[in-house]
Amino acid sequence: MVLTVYDDTRGVGRCRSCDAVITWFELTSGKRHPFNGRDPVYLQTDSDPATARLIGHLDAKDSHFTTCPQSAVWRRRR
C-alpha cells in the first residue's frame, strides 16, 4: 500500500508515546500522518498539475502506526 503526501507539509517531531523521531506529513486526503525517521524515502514523486505542489508516495510500512507500541491509543474512531 502506498500513502500519498504533500512534500511541503513535512515536519519533524517526536512520538508522545515511544519518543521515536517521526516526520509528519499531510496526506492528499487532508489528514495528518506520522512516518518513521527524519527523512522517509519516497518511492516516487510527481507534481500536482493544479497547484504545482510536490507530491511524494511513501510505503505504508514506513508509517509510524506500524511500529509504535501505543499506536492503538492514537487511532481515531470513525
Protein backbone atom coordinates (compact mmCIF):
# COMPACT_ATOMS: atom_id res chain seq x y z
CA MET A 1 0.00 0.00 0.00
CA VAL A 2 1.23 3.49 -0.82
CA LEU A 3 0.35 6.71 1.01
CA THR A 4 0.43 9.96 -0.96
CA VAL A 5 1.65 13.10 0.82
CA TYR A 6 2.32 16.77 0.11
CA ASP A 7 6.07 17.38 0.50
CA ASP A 8 5.65 20.99 1.67
CA THR A 9 3.81 19.83 4.82
CA ARG A 10 6.83 17.95 6.24
CA GLY A 11 7.52 18.49 9.94
CA VAL A 12 9.86 16.59 12.28
CA GLY A 13 8.88 15.76 15.86
CA ARG A 14 8.85 13.00 18.45
CA CYS A 15 6.18 10.46 19.25
CA ARG A 16 4.48 11.28 22.56
CA SER A 17 4.19 7.59 23.40
CA CYS A 18 7.52 5.98 22.49
CA ASP A 19 9.70 9.10 21.96
CA ALA A 20 10.81 7.95 18.48
CA VAL A 21 11.75 10.57 15.88
CA ILE A 22 8.89 10.93 13.39
CA THR A 23 8.10 13.06 10.38
CA TRP A 24 4.58 14.40 9.95
CA PHE A 25 3.03 14.91 6.52
CA GLU A 26 -0.39 15.91 5.28
CA LEU A 27 -1.86 13.15 3.15
CA THR A 28 -3.50 14.25 -0.09
CA SER A 29 -6.77 13.30 1.64
CA GLY A 30 -6.17 16.16 4.09
CA LYS A 31 -5.32 14.09 7.19
CA ARG A 32 -2.01 14.39 9.08
CA HIS A 33 0.05 11.21 9.33
CA PRO A 34 3.32 10.24 11.13
CA PHE A 35 6.16 8.36 9.41
CA ASN A 36 9.27 6.82 10.97
CA GLY A 37 12.54 8.75 10.98
CA ARG A 38 13.64 12.20 9.88
CA ASP A 39 13.75 11.62 6.14
CA PRO A 40 11.34 9.00 4.84
CA VAL A 41 12.31 7.92 1.32
CA TYR A 42 9.80 8.50 -1.44
CA LEU A 43 9.04 5.58 -3.72
CA GLN A 44 8.10 8.10 -6.40
CA THR A 45 7.38 11.82 -6.72
CA ASP A 46 5.24 13.87 -9.03
CA SER A 47 3.64 17.28 -9.16
CA ASP A 48 0.02 18.32 -8.70
CA PRO A 49 -0.83 19.96 -12.04
CA ALA A 50 -3.33 22.36 -10.47
CA THR A 51 -1.05 23.73 -7.74
CA ALA A 52 2.48 22.64 -8.76
CA ARG A 53 2.95 21.15 -5.26
CA LEU A 54 5.39 18.24 -4.97
CA ILE A 55 3.61 15.00 -4.12
CA GLY A 56 5.51 12.08 -2.59
CA HIS A 57 4.48 8.47 -2.49
CA LEU A 58 5.53 6.65 0.70
CA ASP A 59 5.33 2.96 1.54
CA ALA A 60 2.67 2.39 4.21
CA LYS A 61 5.19 0.13 6.00
CA ASP A 62 7.07 3.35 6.93
CA SER A 63 4.02 4.65 8.81
CA HIS A 64 4.76 5.14 12.49
CA PHE A 65 1.46 3.44 13.27
CA THR A 66 3.02 0.12 12.16
CA THR A 67 5.90 0.28 14.68
CA CYS A 68 4.71 2.33 17.67
CA PRO A 69 3.77 0.08 20.61
CA GLN A 70 1.00 2.55 21.57
CA SER A 71 -0.44 3.16 18.08
CA ALA A 72 -3.92 1.90 19.01
CA VAL A 73 -4.24 4.69 21.58
CA TRP A 74 -3.76 7.36 18.91
CA ARG A 75 -6.07 5.97 16.21
CA ARG A 76 -9.26 7.90 15.79
CA ARG A 77 -12.58 6.11 15.85
CA ARG A 78 -14.82 6.55 12.85
